[in-house]
C-alpha atoms as a PDB file:
ATOM      1  CA  MET A   1       0.000   0.000   0.000  1.00  0.00           C
ATOM      2  CA  PRO A   2       1.346   3.513  -0.755  1.00  0.00           C
ATOM      3  CA  ASP A   3       2.495   5.661   2.147  1.00  0.00           C
ATOM      4  CA  ASN A   4       0.400   8.833   2.274  1.00  0.00           C
ATOM      5  CA  THR A   5       1.639  10.142   5.614  1.00  0.00           C
ATOM      6  CA  ASN A   6       3.541  13.004   3.944  1.00  0.00           C
ATOM      7  CA  ALA A   7       0.912  13.768   1.345  1.00  0.00           C
ATOM      8  CA  PRO A   8      -0.287  17.390   1.331  1.00  0.00           C
ATOM      9  CA  LEU A   9      -3.754  18.144   2.609  1.00  0.00           C
ATOM     10  CA  PRO A  10      -6.449  18.792   0.024  1.00  0.00           C
ATOM     11  CA  ASN A  11      -7.155  22.446  -0.642  1.00  0.00           C
ATOM     12  CA  SER A  12     -10.569  22.233   1.036  1.00  0.00           C
ATOM     13  CA  ALA A  13      -9.119  20.702   4.224  1.00  0.00           C
ATOM     14  CA  ALA A  14      -6.326  23.286   4.370  1.00  0.00           C
ATOM     15  CA  ALA A  15      -8.815  26.099   3.911  1.00  0.00           C
ATOM     16  CA  LEU A  16     -10.973  24.665   6.695  1.00  0.00           C
ATOM     17  CA  LEU A  17      -8.007  24.469   9.064  1.00  0.00           C
ATOM     18  CA  ARG A  18      -7.058  28.058   8.249  1.00  0.00           C
ATOM     19  CA  ALA A  19     -10.634  29.227   8.790  1.00  0.00           C
ATOM     20  CA  LEU A  20     -10.808  27.502  12.159  1.00  0.00           C
ATOM     21  CA  GLY A  21      -7.250  28.177  13.255  1.00  0.00           C
ATOM     22  CA  ARG A  22      -7.029  31.919  12.648  1.00  0.00           C
ATOM     23  CA  PRO A  23      -9.972  32.868  14.933  1.00  0.00           C
ATOM     24  CA  GLY A  24      -8.727  30.407  17.537  1.00  0.00           C
ATOM     25  CA  VAL A  25      -5.244  31.924  17.588  1.00  0.00           C
ATOM     26  CA  LEU A  26      -6.678  35.434  17.756  1.00  0.00           C
ATOM     27  CA  PHE A  27      -8.951  34.403  20.628  1.00  0.00           C
ATOM     28  CA  LEU A  28      -6.048  32.899  22.562  1.00  0.00           C
ATOM     29  CA  CYS A  29      -3.912  35.990  21.975  1.00  0.00           C
ATOM     30  CA  GLU A  30      -6.712  38.280  23.115  1.00  0.00           C
ATOM     31  CA  THR A  31      -7.392  36.157  26.190  1.00  0.00           C
ATOM     32  CA  GLY A  32      -3.700  36.172  27.076  1.00  0.00           C
ATOM     33  CA  ALA A  33      -3.538  39.955  26.706  1.00  0.00           C
ATOM     34  CA  MET A  34      -6.508  40.307  29.046  1.00  0.00           C
ATOM     35  CA  GLY A  35      -4.793  38.025  31.542  1.00  0.00           C
ATOM     36  CA  ILE A  36      -1.706  40.256  31.519  1.00  0.00           C
ATOM     37  CA  PHE A  37      -3.932  43.325  31.820  1.00  0.00           C
ATOM     38  CA  LEU A  38      -5.681  41.774  34.831  1.00  0.00           C
ATOM     39  CA  ALA A  39      -2.364  40.893  36.479  1.00  0.00           C
ATOM     40  CA  ARG A  40      -1.201  44.500  36.100  1.00  0.00           C
ATOM     41  CA  GLY A  41      -4.401  45.705  37.727  1.00  0.00           C
ATOM     42  CA  ILE A  42      -4.132  43.238  40.623  1.00  0.00           C
ATOM     43  CA  MET A  43      -0.562  44.372  41.310  1.00  0.00           C
ATOM     44  CA  ARG A  44      -1.873  47.921  41.829  1.00  0.00           C
ATOM     45  CA  MET A  45      -4.854  47.033  44.023  1.00  0.00           C
ATOM     46  CA  PHE A  46      -3.106  48.134  47.221  1.00  0.00           C
ATOM     47  CA  SER A  47      -0.868  50.819  45.797  1.00  0.00           C
ATOM     48  CA  SER A  48      -2.095  53.594  48.135  1.00  0.00           C
ATOM     49  CA  ARG A  49      -4.749  54.493  50.688  1.00  0.00           C
ATOM     50  CA  THR A  50      -6.287  56.978  48.294  1.00  0.00           C
ATOM     51  CA  GLN A  51      -7.875  54.019  46.507  1.00  0.00           C
ATOM     52  CA  ILE A  52     -10.394  53.469  49.311  1.00  0.00           C
ATOM     53  CA  PRO A  53     -12.832  56.223  48.203  1.00  0.00           C
ATOM     54  CA  LYS A  54     -12.604  54.984  44.616  1.00  0.00           C
ATOM     55  CA  ILE A  55     -13.271  51.403  45.764  1.00  0.00           C
ATOM     56  CA  LEU A  56     -16.308  52.485  47.800  1.00  0.00           C
ATOM     57  CA  ARG A  57     -17.674  54.373  44.803  1.00  0.00           C
ATOM     58  CA  GLN A  58     -17.310  51.311  42.598  1.00  0.00           C
ATOM     59  CA  VAL A  59     -18.916  49.114  45.272  1.00  0.00           C
ATOM     60  CA  ARG A  60     -21.907  51.444  45.156  1.00  0.00           C
ATOM     61  CA  VAL A  61     -21.996  51.429  41.351  1.00  0.00           C
ATOM     62  CA  ILE A  62     -21.492  47.685  40.878  1.00  0.00           C
ATOM     63  CA  GLY A  63     -23.131  46.317  44.020  1.00  0.00           C
ATOM     64  CA  ALA A  64     -25.852  48.667  45.212  1.00  0.00           C
ATOM     65  CA  GLY A  65     -26.725  49.674  41.668  1.00  0.00           C
ATOM     66  CA  SER A  66     -27.314  46.035  40.705  1.00  0.00           C
ATOM     67  CA  MET A  67     -29.251  45.079  43.849  1.00  0.00           C
ATOM     68  CA  PHE A  68     -32.765  45.553  42.471  1.00  0.00           C
ATOM     69  CA  LEU A  69     -31.946  43.641  39.292  1.00  0.00           C
ATOM     70  CA  ILE A  70     -30.428  40.727  41.240  1.00  0.00           C
ATOM     71  CA  VAL A  71     -33.360  40.511  43.658  1.00  0.00           C
ATOM     72  CA  PHE A  72     -35.898  40.678  40.834  1.00  0.00           C
ATOM     73  CA  ILE A  73     -34.193  38.057  38.670  1.00  0.00           C
ATOM     74  CA  GLY A  74     -33.420  35.830  41.673  1.00  0.00           C
ATOM     75  CA  LEU A  75     -37.034  35.880  42.856  1.00  0.00           C
ATOM     76  CA  PHE A  76     -38.512  34.851  39.532  1.00  0.00           C
ATOM     77  CA  THR A  77     -35.753  32.307  38.876  1.00  0.00           C
ATOM     78  CA  GLY A  78     -36.582  30.613  42.174  1.00  0.00           C
ATOM     79  CA  MET A  79     -40.304  30.743  41.448  1.00  0.00           C
ATOM     80  CA  VAL A  80     -39.824  29.150  38.031  1.00  0.00           C
ATOM     81  CA  LEU A  81     -37.571  26.464  39.544  1.00  0.00           C
ATOM     82  CA  GLY A  82     -40.174  25.791  42.211  1.00  0.00           C
ATOM     83  CA  LEU A  83     -42.976  25.511  39.689  1.00  0.00           C
ATOM     84  CA  GLN A  84     -41.138  23.305  37.207  1.00  0.00           C
ATOM     85  CA  GLY A  85     -39.463  21.269  39.929  1.00  0.00           C
ATOM     86  CA  TYR A  86     -42.719  20.561  41.749  1.00  0.00           C
ATOM     87  CA  TYR A  87     -44.521  19.220  38.676  1.00  0.00           C
ATOM     88  CA  THR A  88     -41.477  17.215  37.592  1.00  0.00           C
ATOM     89  CA  LEU A  89     -40.955  15.658  41.026  1.00  0.00           C
ATOM     90  CA  SER A  90     -44.681  14.983  41.429  1.00  0.00           C
ATOM     91  CA  MET A  91     -44.457  12.585  38.486  1.00  0.00           C
ATOM     92  CA  PHE A  92     -42.282  10.368  40.703  1.00  0.00           C
ATOM     93  CA  GLY A  93     -44.026  11.091  43.997  1.00  0.00           C
ATOM     94  CA  ALA A  94     -40.989  13.006  45.279  1.00  0.00           C
ATOM     95  CA  GLU A  95     -42.438  16.484  45.907  1.00  0.00           C
ATOM     96  CA  GLY A  96     -40.672  16.558  49.260  1.00  0.00           C
ATOM     97  CA  PHE A  97     -37.324  16.975  47.513  1.00  0.00           C
ATOM     98  CA  LEU A  98     -38.343  20.304  45.989  1.00  0.00           C
ATOM     99  CA  GLY A  99     -36.293  22.288  48.518  1.00  0.00           C
ATOM    100  CA  SER A 100     -33.177  20.296  47.691  1.00  0.00           C
ATOM    101  CA  ALA A 101     -33.693  20.696  43.946  1.00  0.00           C
ATOM    102  CA  VAL A 102     -34.228  24.448  44.125  1.00  0.00           C
ATOM    103  CA  ALA A 103     -31.406  25.137  46.580  1.00  0.00           C
ATOM    104  CA  LEU A 104     -28.787  22.984  44.869  1.00  0.00           C
ATOM    105  CA  SER A 105     -29.677  24.306  41.421  1.00  0.00           C
ATOM    106  CA  LEU A 106     -29.282  27.857  42.639  1.00  0.00           C
ATOM    107  CA  VAL A 107     -26.235  27.461  44.847  1.00  0.00           C
ATOM    108  CA  ARG A 108     -24.217  25.243  42.529  1.00  0.00           C
ATOM    109  CA  GLU A 109     -24.975  26.781  39.152  1.00  0.00           C
ATOM    110  CA  LEU A 110     -27.657  29.368  38.539  1.00  0.00           C
ATOM    111  CA  ALA A 111     -26.854  31.946  41.215  1.00  0.00           C
ATOM    112  CA  PRO A 112     -23.189  32.597  40.325  1.00  0.00           C
ATOM    113  CA  VAL A 113     -23.734  32.382  36.562  1.00  0.00           C
ATOM    114  CA  LEU A 114     -26.882  34.497  36.322  1.00  0.00           C
ATOM    115  CA  THR A 115     -25.523  37.048  38.785  1.00  0.00           C
ATOM    116  CA  ALA A 116     -22.350  37.445  36.745  1.00  0.00           C
ATOM    117  CA  ILE A 117     -24.280  37.760  33.476  1.00  0.00           C
ATOM    118  CA  MET A 118     -26.695  40.316  34.920  1.00  0.00           C
ATOM    119  CA  VAL A 119     -23.884  42.401  36.418  1.00  0.00           C
ATOM    120  CA  THR A 120     -22.018  42.175  33.110  1.00  0.00           C
ATOM    121  CA  GLY A 121     -24.993  43.580  31.238  1.00  0.00           C
ATOM    122  CA  ARG A 122     -25.514  46.393  33.720  1.00  0.00           C
ATOM    123  CA  ALA A 123     -22.185  47.333  35.329  1.00  0.00           C
ATOM    124  CA  GLY A 124     -19.688  45.640  32.989  1.00  0.00           C
ATOM    125  CA  SER A 125     -20.992  47.500  29.964  1.00  0.00           C
ATOM    126  CA  ALA A 126     -20.760  50.741  31.932  1.00  0.00           C
ATOM    127  CA  MET A 127     -17.113  49.979  32.793  1.00  0.00           C
ATOM    128  CA  ALA A 128     -16.215  49.420  29.149  1.00  0.00           C
ATOM    129  CA  ALA A 129     -18.095  52.505  27.957  1.00  0.00           C
ATOM    130  CA  GLU A 130     -16.747  54.821  30.668  1.00  0.00           C
ATOM    131  CA  ILE A 131     -13.124  53.812  30.221  1.00  0.00           C
ATOM    132  CA  GLY A 132     -13.544  53.772  26.441  1.00  0.00           C
ATOM    133  CA  VAL A 133     -14.860  57.356  26.437  1.00  0.00           C
ATOM    134  CA  MET A 134     -11.931  58.406  28.625  1.00  0.00           C
ATOM    135  CA  ARG A 135      -9.519  56.775  26.181  1.00  0.00           C
ATOM    136  CA  ILE A 136     -11.119  58.314  23.106  1.00  0.00           C
ATOM    137  CA  GLY A 137     -11.261  61.701  24.837  1.00  0.00           C
ATOM    138  CA  ASP A 138      -7.529  61.548  25.698  1.00  0.00           C
ATOM    139  CA  GLN A 139      -8.305  61.621  29.426  1.00  0.00           C
ATOM    140  CA  ILE A 140      -6.186  58.535  30.056  1.00  0.00           C
ATOM    141  CA  ASP A 141      -3.291  60.193  28.228  1.00  0.00           C
ATOM    142  CA  ALA A 142      -3.804  63.227  30.452  1.00  0.00           C
ATOM    143  CA  LEU A 143      -3.518  61.017  33.545  1.00  0.00           C
ATOM    144  CA  GLU A 144      -0.207  59.676  32.287  1.00  0.00           C
ATOM    145  CA  VAL A 145       1.032  63.223  31.614  1.00  0.00           C
ATOM    146  CA  MET A 146       0.155  64.134  35.224  1.00  0.00           C
ATOM    147  CA  ASP A 147       2.152  61.072  36.398  1.00  0.00           C
ATOM    148  CA  ILE A 148      -1.011  59.244  37.568  1.00  0.00           C
ATOM    149  CA  ASP A 149      -1.013  55.529  36.837  1.00  0.00           C
ATOM    150  CA  PRO A 150      -4.245  54.811  34.867  1.00  0.00           C
ATOM    151  CA  MET A 151      -4.220  51.176  35.968  1.00  0.00           C
ATOM    152  CA  ALA A 152      -4.180  52.186  39.642  1.00  0.00           C
ATOM    153  CA  TYR A 153      -6.678  54.994  39.099  1.00  0.00           C
ATOM    154  CA  LEU A 154      -9.215  53.260  36.853  1.00  0.00           C
ATOM    155  CA  VAL A 155      -8.770  49.480  36.867  1.00  0.00           C
ATOM    156  CA  ALA A 156      -7.560  48.463  40.332  1.00  0.00           C
ATOM    157  CA  PRO A 157     -10.551  49.965  42.237  1.00  0.00           C
ATOM    158  CA  ARG A 158     -12.947  48.146  39.930  1.00  0.00           C
ATOM    159  CA  ILE A 159     -11.151  44.839  40.511  1.00  0.00           C
ATOM    160  CA  THR A 160     -11.340  45.244  44.291  1.00  0.00           C
ATOM    161  CA  ALA A 161     -14.982  46.342  44.192  1.00  0.00           C
ATOM    162  CA  SER A 162     -15.916  43.398  41.951  1.00  0.00           C
ATOM    163  CA  LEU A 163     -14.239  40.918  44.293  1.00  0.00           C
ATOM    164  CA  ILE A 164     -16.287  42.390  47.150  1.00  0.00           C
ATOM    165  CA  THR A 165     -19.650  42.711  45.452  1.00  0.00           C
ATOM    166  CA  PHE A 166     -19.902  39.570  43.307  1.00  0.00           C
ATOM    167  CA  PRO A 167     -19.974  37.105  46.255  1.00  0.00           C
ATOM    168  CA  LEU A 168     -22.462  39.325  48.112  1.00  0.00           C
ATOM    169  CA  LEU A 169     -24.765  39.627  45.106  1.00  0.00           C
ATOM    170  CA  THR A 170     -24.500  35.883  44.462  1.00  0.00           C
ATOM    171  CA  SER A 171     -25.481  35.147  48.074  1.00  0.00           C
ATOM    172  CA  ILE A 172     -28.458  37.508  47.784  1.00  0.00           C
ATOM    173  CA  PHE A 173     -29.498  35.854  44.522  1.00  0.00           C
ATOM    174  CA  SER A 174     -29.371  32.394  46.139  1.00  0.00           C
ATOM    175  CA  THR A 175     -31.340  33.482  49.208  1.00  0.00           C
ATOM    176  CA  VAL A 176     -34.032  35.296  47.259  1.00  0.00           C
ATOM    177  CA  GLY A 177     -34.261  32.408  44.787  1.00  0.00           C
ATOM    178  CA  ILE A 178     -34.813  29.908  47.606  1.00  0.00           C
ATOM    179  CA  LEU A 179     -37.574  32.160  48.981  1.00  0.00           C
ATOM    180  CA  GLY A 180     -39.060  32.323  45.487  1.00  0.00           C
ATOM    181  CA  GLY A 181     -39.140  28.530  45.368  1.00  0.00           C
ATOM    182  CA  TYR A 182     -40.820  28.572  48.792  1.00  0.00           C
ATOM    183  CA  ALA A 183     -43.454  31.008  47.523  1.00  0.00           C
ATOM    184  CA  THR A 184     -44.296  28.719  44.613  1.00  0.00           C
ATOM    185  CA  GLY A 185     -44.012  25.317  46.250  1.00  0.00           C
ATOM    186  CA  VAL A 186     -45.422  26.099  49.693  1.00  0.00           C
ATOM    187  CA  LEU A 187     -47.680  29.138  49.400  1.00  0.00           C
ATOM    188  CA  MET A 188     -49.101  28.395  45.952  1.00  0.00           C
ATOM    189  CA  LEU A 189     -48.986  24.619  45.592  1.00  0.00           C
ATOM    190  CA  GLY A 190     -49.545  23.615  49.214  1.00  0.00           C
ATOM    191  CA  MET A 191     -46.309  21.818  50.032  1.00  0.00           C
ATOM    192  CA  SER A 192     -45.200  21.666  53.675  1.00  0.00           C
ATOM    193  CA  GLY A 193     -42.873  24.539  54.557  1.00  0.00           C
ATOM    194  CA  GLY A 194     -41.081  22.470  57.202  1.00  0.00           C
ATOM    195  CA  VAL A 195     -40.277  19.744  54.672  1.00  0.00           C
ATOM    196  CA  TYR A 196     -39.074  22.360  52.184  1.00  0.00           C
ATOM    197  CA  PHE A 197     -36.521  23.921  54.523  1.00  0.00           C
ATOM    198  CA  SER A 198     -35.510  20.644  56.176  1.00  0.00           C
ATOM    199  CA  ARG A 199     -34.561  19.228  52.776  1.00  0.00           C
ATOM    200  CA  ILE A 200     -32.473  22.314  52.107  1.00  0.00           C
ATOM    201  CA  GLY A 201     -30.655  21.905  55.416  1.00  0.00           C
ATOM    202  CA  SER A 202     -29.920  18.243  54.799  1.00  0.00           C
ATOM    203  CA  SER A 203     -28.780  18.564  51.173  1.00  0.00           C
ATOM    204  CA  VAL A 204     -26.799  21.806  50.909  1.00  0.00           C
ATOM    205  CA  ARG A 205     -23.238  21.328  52.185  1.00  0.00           C
ATOM    206  CA  TRP A 206     -20.501  23.807  52.929  1.00  0.00           C
ATOM    207  CA  ALA A 207     -18.662  22.538  49.849  1.00  0.00           C
ATOM    208  CA  ASP A 208     -21.596  23.723  47.720  1.00  0.00           C
ATOM    209  CA  VAL A 209     -21.559  27.176  49.325  1.00  0.00           C
ATOM    210  CA  SER A 210     -17.778  27.566  49.097  1.00  0.00           C
ATOM    211  CA  GLY A 211     -17.853  26.416  45.470  1.00  0.00           C
ATOM    212  CA  CYS A 212     -20.545  28.995  44.733  1.00  0.00           C
ATOM    213  CA  LEU A 213     -18.512  31.804  46.309  1.00  0.00           C
ATOM    214  CA  GLY A 214     -15.335  30.608  44.593  1.00  0.00           C
ATOM    215  CA  LYS A 215     -17.090  30.722  41.227  1.00  0.00           C
ATOM    216  CA  SER A 216     -18.308  34.247  41.938  1.00  0.00           C
ATOM    217  CA  LEU A 217     -14.737  35.419  42.609  1.00  0.00           C
ATOM    218  CA  VAL A 218     -13.490  33.892  39.352  1.00  0.00           C
ATOM    219  CA  PHE A 219     -16.405  35.395  37.447  1.00  0.00           C
ATOM    220  CA  ALA A 220     -15.678  38.796  38.998  1.00  0.00           C
ATOM    221  CA  LEU A 221     -12.124  38.687  37.667  1.00  0.00           C
ATOM    222  CA  ILE A 222     -13.333  37.638  34.219  1.00  0.00           C
ATOM    223  CA  VAL A 223     -15.914  40.401  33.948  1.00  0.00           C
ATOM    224  CA  VAL A 224     -13.679  43.209  35.172  1.00  0.00           C
ATOM    225  CA  ALA A 225     -10.719  42.044  33.071  1.00  0.00           C
ATOM    226  CA  VAL A 226     -12.696  41.818  29.830  1.00  0.00           C
ATOM    227  CA  CYS A 227     -14.765  44.977  30.265  1.00  0.00           C
ATOM    228  CA  CYS A 228     -11.941  47.213  31.486  1.00  0.00           C
ATOM    229  CA  CYS A 229      -9.511  45.893  28.876  1.00  0.00           C
ATOM    230  CA  LYS A 230     -11.969  46.419  26.024  1.00  0.00           C
ATOM    231  CA  GLY A 231     -12.586  49.990  27.101  1.00  0.00           C
ATOM    232  CA  TYR A 232      -8.926  50.724  27.832  1.00  0.00           C
ATOM    233  CA  PHE A 233      -7.837  49.742  24.330  1.00  0.00           C
ATOM    234  CA  ALA A 234     -10.889  51.044  22.471  1.00  0.00           C
ATOM    235  CA  HIS A 235      -8.678  53.408  20.459  1.00  0.00           C
ATOM    236  CA  MET A 236      -6.853  50.435  18.914  1.00  0.00           C
ATOM    237  CA  ARG A 237      -9.941  48.812  17.440  1.00  0.00           C
ATOM    238  CA  LYS A 238     -10.039  48.301  13.673  1.00  0.00           C
ATOM    239  CA  ASP A 239     -13.831  48.248  13.335  1.00  0.00           C
ATOM    240  CA  GLY A 240     -14.461  51.908  14.072  1.00  0.00           C
ATOM    241  CA  MET A 241     -13.199  55.194  15.446  1.00  0.00           C
ATOM    242  CA  GLY A 242     -14.413  57.600  18.102  1.00  0.00           C
ATOM    243  CA  ALA A 243     -17.904  56.935  19.426  1.00  0.00           C
ATOM    244  CA  GLU A 244     -18.301  53.944  17.126  1.00  0.00           C
ATOM    245  CA  ALA A 245     -15.198  52.332  18.629  1.00  0.00           C
ATOM    246  CA  VAL A 246     -16.595  52.811  22.143  1.00  0.00           C
ATOM    247  CA  GLY A 247     -19.911  51.240  21.153  1.00  0.00           C
ATOM    248  CA  ASN A 248     -18.199  48.291  19.477  1.00  0.00           C
ATOM    249  CA  ALA A 249     -15.883  47.838  22.459  1.00  0.00           C
ATOM    250  CA  THR A 250     -18.840  47.788  24.851  1.00  0.00           C
ATOM    251  CA  THR A 251     -20.736  45.250  22.755  1.00  0.00           C
ATOM    252  CA  SER A 252     -17.646  43.075  22.386  1.00  0.00           C
ATOM    253  CA  ALA A 253     -16.994  43.248  26.138  1.00  0.00           C
ATOM    254  CA  VAL A 254     -20.475  42.005  27.049  1.00  0.00           C
ATOM    255  CA  VAL A 255     -20.497  39.216  24.456  1.00  0.00           C
ATOM    256  CA  LEU A 256     -16.993  37.970  25.264  1.00  0.00           C
ATOM    257  CA  SER A 257     -17.651  38.156  29.009  1.00  0.00           C
ATOM    258  CA  CYS A 258     -20.748  35.961  28.683  1.00  0.00           C
ATOM    259  CA  ILE A 259     -18.854  33.417  26.562  1.00  0.00           C
ATOM    260  CA  LEU A 260     -15.941  33.239  29.004  1.00  0.00           C
ATOM    261  CA  LEU A 261     -18.309  33.045  31.977  1.00  0.00           C
ATOM    262  CA  LEU A 262     -20.078  29.987  30.588  1.00  0.00           C
ATOM    263  CA  ALA A 263     -16.796  28.344  29.574  1.00  0.00           C
ATOM    264  CA  ALA A 264     -15.280  29.019  33.012  1.00  0.00           C
ATOM    265  CA  ASP A 265     -18.422  27.707  34.700  1.00  0.00           C
ATOM    266  CA  TYR A 266     -18.092  24.399  32.872  1.00  0.00           C
ATOM    267  CA  ILE A 267     -14.402  24.099  33.760  1.00  0.00           C
ATOM    268  CA  LEU A 268     -14.957  24.969  37.417  1.00  0.00           C
ATOM    269  CA  THR A 269     -17.950  22.642  37.709  1.00  0.00           C
ATOM    270  CA  SER A 270     -15.926  19.750  36.277  1.00  0.00           C
ATOM    271  CA  PHE A 271     -13.375  20.240  39.058  1.00  0.00           C
ATOM    272  CA  LEU A 272     -15.870  20.837  41.873  1.00  0.00           C
ATOM    273  CA  LEU A 273     -18.135  17.841  41.218  1.00  0.00           C
END
């Protein structure tokens, strides 16, 4: 039989590899650049005491500003889980496990992921747009001229505030979601409230809670790295200039953040299970 190990690839196969490889390489390069950008920001998190007012302002913007959205989404997520879970479990005569199903679904997966996505849409887009406008308006260049480190002034406070607020918002989402499941399963469908909460107490472990909080910290770093980096380098985009570049950077930041959040969630879940 002839040896075809060194035979060149057909033109169609080579074109397919190029089409798949070029976006993959660009994605890896962009992700690596964001990782370096994040590391630079983390190194400046505790550069001076003057960062405390900036951190508190970002905590208010990211955390308090997203509170209503998180409570609203968490409540209806828990109510939907309670409704769907009750009718699914009733098919097997296991309605008593509704509390476990709702709590574990929220704590392990839905609370950290949905919280991160909601905060990305609300606060992450604002980060990218604000920093992008400052870059396009030469305000970041002005900071450098005044010998003010833009990373310490703009990025580091947002990293610290995100690490503080994401776990808190995730905990609020989980709590409100569990109460939403209670409202559906107990108040609307007549399940025993004692059974609902006793199942939660017996099924939710500290490992589930710590895994949930650990995910929220990782997601916080992803969101702040992507959104701040996209805004910081908005002037280098090739798909627009000025206001158009800021808009494209904001859109790209939200989309890429959501993709990385879901990918990171799968990776983290595979290690935590």
